[in-house]
PDB file of N, CA and C in Angstrom:
ATOM      1  N   MET A   1       1.936 -41.954 -19.796  1.00  0.00           N
ATOM      2  CA  MET A   1       2.087 -41.573 -18.404  1.00  0.00           C
ATOM      3  C   MET A   1       2.709 -40.174 -18.288  1.00  0.00           C
ATOM      4  N   LYS A   2       3.822 -39.944 -18.997  1.00  0.00           N
ATOM      5  CA  LYS A   2       4.494 -38.647 -18.926  1.00  0.00           C
ATOM      6  C   LYS A   2       3.638 -37.546 -19.534  1.00  0.00           C
ATOM      7  N   THR A   3       2.910 -37.856 -20.583  1.00  0.00           N
ATOM      8  CA  THR A   3       2.088 -36.819 -21.214  1.00  0.00           C
ATOM      9  C   THR A   3       0.932 -36.395 -20.315  1.00  0.00           C
ATOM     10  N   THR A   4       0.380 -37.306 -19.524  1.00  0.00           N
ATOM     11  CA  THR A   4      -0.714 -36.906 -18.621  1.00  0.00           C
ATOM     12  C   THR A   4      -0.204 -36.000 -17.503  1.00  0.00           C
ATOM     13  N   ILE A   5       0.988 -36.254 -17.022  1.00  0.00           N
ATOM     14  CA  ILE A   5       1.569 -35.383 -15.986  1.00  0.00           C
ATOM     15  C   ILE A   5       1.831 -33.999 -16.563  1.00  0.00           C
ATOM     16  N   ILE A   6       2.367 -33.937 -17.756  1.00  0.00           N
ATOM     17  CA  ILE A   6       2.643 -32.654 -18.406  1.00  0.00           C
ATOM     18  C   ILE A   6       1.341 -31.909 -18.682  1.00  0.00           C
ATOM     19  N   ASN A   7       0.327 -32.627 -19.157  1.00  0.00           N
ATOM     20  CA  ASN A   7      -0.967 -31.989 -19.416  1.00  0.00           C
ATOM     21  C   ASN A   7      -1.582 -31.439 -18.131  1.00  0.00           C
ATOM     22  N   LYS A   8      -1.459 -32.172 -17.031  1.00  0.00           N
ATOM     23  CA  LYS A   8      -1.985 -31.692 -15.752  1.00  0.00           C
ATOM     24  C   LYS A   8      -1.252 -30.427 -15.306  1.00  0.00           C
ATOM     25  N   LEU A   9       0.058 -30.408 -15.489  1.00  0.00           N
ATOM     26  CA  LEU A   9       0.832 -29.224 -15.115  1.00  0.00           C
ATOM     27  C   LEU A   9       0.464 -28.015 -15.967  1.00  0.00           C
ATOM     28  N   LEU A  10       0.218 -28.240 -17.247  1.00  0.00           N
ATOM     29  CA  LEU A  10      -0.140 -27.144 -18.133  1.00  0.00           C
ATOM     30  C   LEU A  10      -1.525 -26.593 -17.818  1.00  0.00           C
ATOM     31  N   GLN A  11      -2.420 -27.443 -17.327  1.00  0.00           N
ATOM     32  CA  GLN A  11      -3.787 -27.012 -17.024  1.00  0.00           C
ATOM     33  C   GLN A  11      -3.927 -26.428 -15.613  1.00  0.00           C
ATOM     34  N   ASP A  12      -2.932 -26.639 -14.766  1.00  0.00           N
ATOM     35  CA  ASP A  12      -2.994 -26.143 -13.398  1.00  0.00           C
ATOM     36  C   ASP A  12      -2.743 -24.637 -13.383  1.00  0.00           C
ATOM     37  N   GLU A  13      -3.731 -23.869 -12.913  1.00  0.00           N
ATOM     38  CA  GLU A  13      -3.615 -22.416 -12.888  1.00  0.00           C
ATOM     39  C   GLU A  13      -3.518 -21.868 -11.466  1.00  0.00           C
ATOM     40  N   SER A  14      -3.309 -22.699 -10.480  1.00  0.00           N
ATOM     41  CA  SER A  14      -3.274 -22.219  -9.098  1.00  0.00           C
ATOM     42  C   SER A  14      -2.077 -21.313  -8.846  1.00  0.00           C
ATOM     43  N   GLY A  15      -0.965 -21.576  -9.463  1.00  0.00           N
ATOM     44  CA  GLY A  15       0.215 -20.725  -9.310  1.00  0.00           C
ATOM     45  C   GLY A  15      -0.015 -19.350  -9.904  1.00  0.00           C
ATOM     46  N   ALA A  16      -0.674 -19.309 -11.060  1.00  0.00           N
ATOM     47  CA  ALA A  16      -0.970 -18.020 -11.698  1.00  0.00           C
ATOM     48  C   ALA A  16      -1.922 -17.203 -10.837  1.00  0.00           C
ATOM     49  N   THR A  17      -2.883 -17.864 -10.219  1.00  0.00           N
ATOM     50  CA  THR A  17      -3.821 -17.161  -9.351  1.00  0.00           C
ATOM     51  C   THR A  17      -3.098 -16.578  -8.142  1.00  0.00           C
ATOM     52  N   ALA A  18      -2.190 -17.332  -7.560  1.00  0.00           N
ATOM     53  CA  ALA A  18      -1.430 -16.842  -6.408  1.00  0.00           C
ATOM     54  C   ALA A  18      -0.585 -15.633  -6.798  1.00  0.00           C
ATOM     55  N   ILE A  19      -0.003 -15.665  -7.970  1.00  0.00           N
ATOM     56  CA  ILE A  19       0.800 -14.534  -8.440  1.00  0.00           C
ATOM     57  C   ILE A  19      -0.085 -13.307  -8.645  1.00  0.00           C
ATOM     58  N   GLU A  20      -1.289 -13.511  -9.204  1.00  0.00           N
ATOM     59  CA  GLU A  20      -2.208 -12.390  -9.397  1.00  0.00           C
ATOM     60  C   GLU A  20      -2.587 -11.764  -8.061  1.00  0.00           C
ATOM     61  N   TYR A  21      -2.891 -12.593  -7.072  1.00  0.00           N
ATOM     62  CA  TYR A  21      -3.231 -12.062  -5.751  1.00  0.00           C
ATOM     63  C   TYR A  21      -2.043 -11.313  -5.150  1.00  0.00           C
ATOM     64  N   GLY A  22      -0.856 -11.818  -5.351  1.00  0.00           N
ATOM     65  CA  GLY A  22       0.339 -11.142  -4.861  1.00  0.00           C
ATOM     66  C   GLY A  22       0.527  -9.780  -5.510  1.00  0.00           C
ATOM     67  N   LEU A  23       0.292  -9.696  -6.814  1.00  0.00           N
ATOM     68  CA  LEU A  23       0.414  -8.415  -7.514  1.00  0.00           C
ATOM     69  C   LEU A  23      -0.643  -7.420  -7.048  1.00  0.00           C
ATOM     70  N   ILE A  24      -1.865  -7.907  -6.814  1.00  0.00           N
ATOM     71  CA  ILE A  24      -2.922  -7.027  -6.314  1.00  0.00           C
ATOM     72  C   ILE A  24      -2.557  -6.507  -4.933  1.00  0.00           C
ATOM     73  N   ALA A  25      -2.055  -7.383  -4.065  1.00  0.00           N
ATOM     74  CA  ALA A  25      -1.654  -6.965  -2.719  1.00  0.00           C
ATOM     75  C   ALA A  25      -0.532  -5.927  -2.782  1.00  0.00           C
ATOM     76  N   ALA A  26       0.416  -6.115  -3.681  1.00  0.00           N
ATOM     77  CA  ALA A  26       1.508  -5.157  -3.831  1.00  0.00           C
ATOM     78  C   ALA A  26       0.991  -3.806  -4.305  1.00  0.00           C
ATOM     79  N   LEU A  27       0.060  -3.811  -5.244  1.00  0.00           N
ATOM     80  CA  LEU A  27      -0.513  -2.567  -5.754  1.00  0.00           C
ATOM     81  C   LEU A  27      -1.276  -1.827  -4.660  1.00  0.00           C
ATOM     82  N   VAL A  28      -2.067  -2.551  -3.881  1.00  0.00           N
ATOM     83  CA  VAL A  28      -2.809  -1.930  -2.783  1.00  0.00           C
ATOM     84  C   VAL A  28      -1.836  -1.351  -1.757  1.00  0.00           C
ATOM     85  N   SER A  29      -0.756  -2.064  -1.469  1.00  0.00           N
ATOM     86  CA  SER A  29       0.234  -1.581  -0.502  1.00  0.00           C
ATOM     87  C   SER A  29       0.895  -0.289  -0.978  1.00  0.00           C
ATOM     88  N   VAL A  30       1.252  -0.242  -2.234  1.00  0.00           N
ATOM     89  CA  VAL A  30       1.887   0.962  -2.784  1.00  0.00           C
ATOM     90  C   VAL A  30       0.921   2.144  -2.721  1.00  0.00           C
ATOM     91  N   ALA A  31      -0.350   1.908  -3.069  1.00  0.00           N
ATOM     92  CA  ALA A  31      -1.347   2.984  -3.011  1.00  0.00           C
ATOM     93  C   ALA A  31      -1.547   3.462  -1.573  1.00  0.00           C
ATOM     94  N   ALA A  32      -1.599   2.527  -0.629  1.00  0.00           N
ATOM     95  CA  ALA A  32      -1.787   2.895   0.779  1.00  0.00           C
ATOM     96  C   ALA A  32      -0.599   3.692   1.299  1.00  0.00           C
ATOM     97  N   ILE A  33       0.599   3.282   0.958  1.00  0.00           N
ATOM     98  CA  ILE A  33       1.800   4.002   1.404  1.00  0.00           C
ATOM     99  C   ILE A  33       1.807   5.420   0.837  1.00  0.00           C
ATOM    100  N   GLY A  34       1.454   5.550  -0.438  1.00  0.00           N
ATOM    101  CA  GLY A  34       1.398   6.884  -1.051  1.00  0.00           C
ATOM    102  C   GLY A  34       0.369   7.780  -0.391  1.00  0.00           C
ATOM    103  N   ALA A  35      -0.814   7.239  -0.115  1.00  0.00           N
ATOM    104  CA  ALA A  35      -1.871   8.033   0.519  1.00  0.00           C
ATOM    105  C   ALA A  35      -1.485   8.424   1.935  1.00  0.00           C
ATOM    106  N   LEU A  36      -0.923   7.488   2.682  1.00  0.00           N
ATOM    107  CA  LEU A  36      -0.534   7.791   4.063  1.00  0.00           C
ATOM    108  C   LEU A  36       0.613   8.784   4.129  1.00  0.00           C
ATOM    109  N   THR A  37       1.529   8.708   3.188  1.00  0.00           N
ATOM    110  CA  THR A  37       2.635   9.667   3.149  1.00  0.00           C
ATOM    111  C   THR A  37       2.110  11.071   2.889  1.00  0.00           C
ATOM    112  N   THR A  38       1.212  11.201   1.929  1.00  0.00           N
ATOM    113  CA  THR A  38       0.627  12.501   1.620  1.00  0.00           C
ATOM    114  C   THR A  38      -0.164  13.033   2.805  1.00  0.00           C
ATOM    115  N   MET A  39      -0.955  12.170   3.415  1.00  0.00           N
ATOM    116  CA  MET A  39      -1.749  12.585   4.567  1.00  0.00           C
ATOM    117  C   MET A  39      -0.840  12.966   5.732  1.00  0.00           C
ATOM    118  N   GLY A  40       0.254  12.249   5.911  1.00  0.00           N
ATOM    119  CA  GLY A  40       1.189  12.563   6.984  1.00  0.00           C
ATOM    120  C   GLY A  40       1.802  13.936   6.826  1.00  0.00           C
ATOM    121  N   GLU A  41       2.142  14.297   5.590  1.00  0.00           N
ATOM    122  CA  GLU A  41       2.712  15.627   5.342  1.00  0.00           C
ATOM    123  C   GLU A  41       1.675  16.713   5.628  1.00  0.00           C
ATOM    124  N   SER A  42       0.437  16.475   5.258  1.00  0.00           N
ATOM    125  CA  SER A  42      -0.626  17.443   5.523  1.00  0.00           C
ATOM    126  C   SER A  42      -0.846  17.600   7.024  1.00  0.00           C
ATOM    127  N   LEU A  43      -0.842  16.491   7.738  1.00  0.00           N
ATOM    128  CA  LEU A  43      -1.024  16.552   9.188  1.00  0.00           C
ATOM    129  C   LEU A  43       0.127  17.281   9.863  1.00  0.00           C
ATOM    130  N   GLU A  44       1.336  17.042   9.368  1.00  0.00           N
ATOM    131  CA  GLU A  44       2.498  17.725   9.948  1.00  0.00           C
ATOM    132  C   GLU A  44       2.371  19.234   9.770  1.00  0.00           C
ATOM    133  N   THR A  45       1.961  19.657   8.595  1.00  0.00           N
ATOM    134  CA  THR A  45       1.771  21.086   8.333  1.00  0.00           C
ATOM    135  C   THR A  45       0.691  21.660   9.251  1.00  0.00           C
ATOM    136  N   MET A  46      -0.411  20.942   9.388  1.00  0.00           N
ATOM    137  CA  MET A  46      -1.508  21.426  10.216  1.00  0.00           C
ATOM    138  C   MET A  46      -1.074  21.562  11.677  1.00  0.00           C
ATOM    139  N   PHE A  47      -0.405  20.545  12.213  1.00  0.00           N
ATOM    140  CA  PHE A  47       0.017  20.597  13.606  1.00  0.00           C
ATOM    141  C   PHE A  47       1.085  21.655  13.843  1.00  0.00           C
ATOM    142  N   THR A  48       1.943  21.882  12.869  1.00  0.00           N
ATOM    143  CA  THR A  48       2.948  22.938  12.993  1.00  0.00           C
ATOM    144  C   THR A  48       2.270  24.303  13.059  1.00  0.00           C
ATOM    145  N   THR A  49       1.252  24.501  12.229  1.00  0.00           N
ATOM    146  CA  THR A  49       0.506  25.759  12.241  1.00  0.00           C
ATOM    147  C   THR A  49      -0.195  25.964  13.582  1.00  0.00           C
ATOM    148  N   VAL A  50      -0.862  24.916  14.069  1.00  0.00           N
ATOM    149  CA  VAL A  50      -1.558  25.005  15.346  1.00  0.00           C
ATOM    150  C   VAL A  50      -0.576  25.287  16.466  1.00  0.00           C
ATOM    151  N   SER A  51       0.564  24.622  16.459  1.00  0.00           N
ATOM    152  CA  SER A  51       1.577  24.837  17.480  1.00  0.00           C
ATOM    153  C   SER A  51       2.089  26.275  17.461  1.00  0.00           C
ATOM    154  N   GLY A  52       2.304  26.810  16.277  1.00  0.00           N
ATOM    155  CA  GLY A  52       2.752  28.189  16.162  1.00  0.00           C
ATOM    156  C   GLY A  52       1.725  29.167  16.698  1.00  0.00           C
ATOM    157  N   LYS A  53       0.454  28.933  16.369  1.00  0.00           N
ATOM    158  CA  LYS A  53      -0.621  29.812  16.861  1.00  0.00           C
ATOM    159  C   LYS A  53      -0.725  29.738  18.384  1.00  0.00           C
ATOM    160  N   LEU A  54      -0.577  28.548  18.951  1.00  0.00           N
ATOM    161  CA  LEU A  54      -0.635  28.399  20.397  1.00  0.00           C
ATOM    162  C   LEU A  54       0.546  29.106  21.071  1.00  0.00           C
ATOM    163  N   ASP A  55       1.714  28.993  20.466  1.00  0.00           N
ATOM    164  CA  ASP A  55       2.896  29.680  21.011  1.00  0.00           C
ATOM    165  C   ASP A  55       2.682  31.190  21.004  1.00  0.00           C
ATOM    166  N   GLU A  56       2.087  31.717  19.929  1.00  0.00           N
ATOM    167  CA  GLU A  56       1.807  33.154  19.832  1.00  0.00           C
ATOM    168  C   GLU A  56       0.806  33.566  20.919  1.00  0.00           C
ATOM    169  N   ALA A  57      -0.218  32.732  21.132  1.00  0.00           N
ATOM    170  CA  ALA A  57      -1.262  33.072  22.107  1.00  0.00           C
ATOM    171  C   ALA A  57      -0.707  33.049  23.523  1.00  0.00           C
ATOM    172  N   VAL A  58       0.194  32.136  23.828  1.00  0.00           N
ATOM    173  CA  VAL A  58       0.754  32.023  25.166  1.00  0.00           C
ATOM    174  C   VAL A  58       1.726  33.171  25.432  1.00  0.00           C
ATOM    175  N   SER A  59       2.496  33.577  24.430  1.00  0.00           N
ATOM    176  CA  SER A  59       3.506  34.617  24.634  1.00  0.00           C
ATOM    177  C   SER A  59       2.908  36.012  24.723  1.00  0.00           C
ATOM    178  N   GLU A  60       1.671  36.205  24.333  1.00  0.00           N
ATOM    179  CA  GLU A  60       1.054  37.536  24.386  1.00  0.00           C
ATOM    180  C   GLU A  60       0.643  37.924  25.758  1.00  0.00           C
TER     181      GLU A  60
END
């Protein structure tokens, strides 16, 4: 009786699958955060440049 329960637990891979999905989700999240951070810095630079050009055009 005890050996069949232990064998079933050893053969059950559902926990490992859940952990794998969790690791994949974490990796995707880290990649998305990195990409959005980089894109945000680029957008900030672009909008600052545009704002400066508009300020120059208005003051002339």
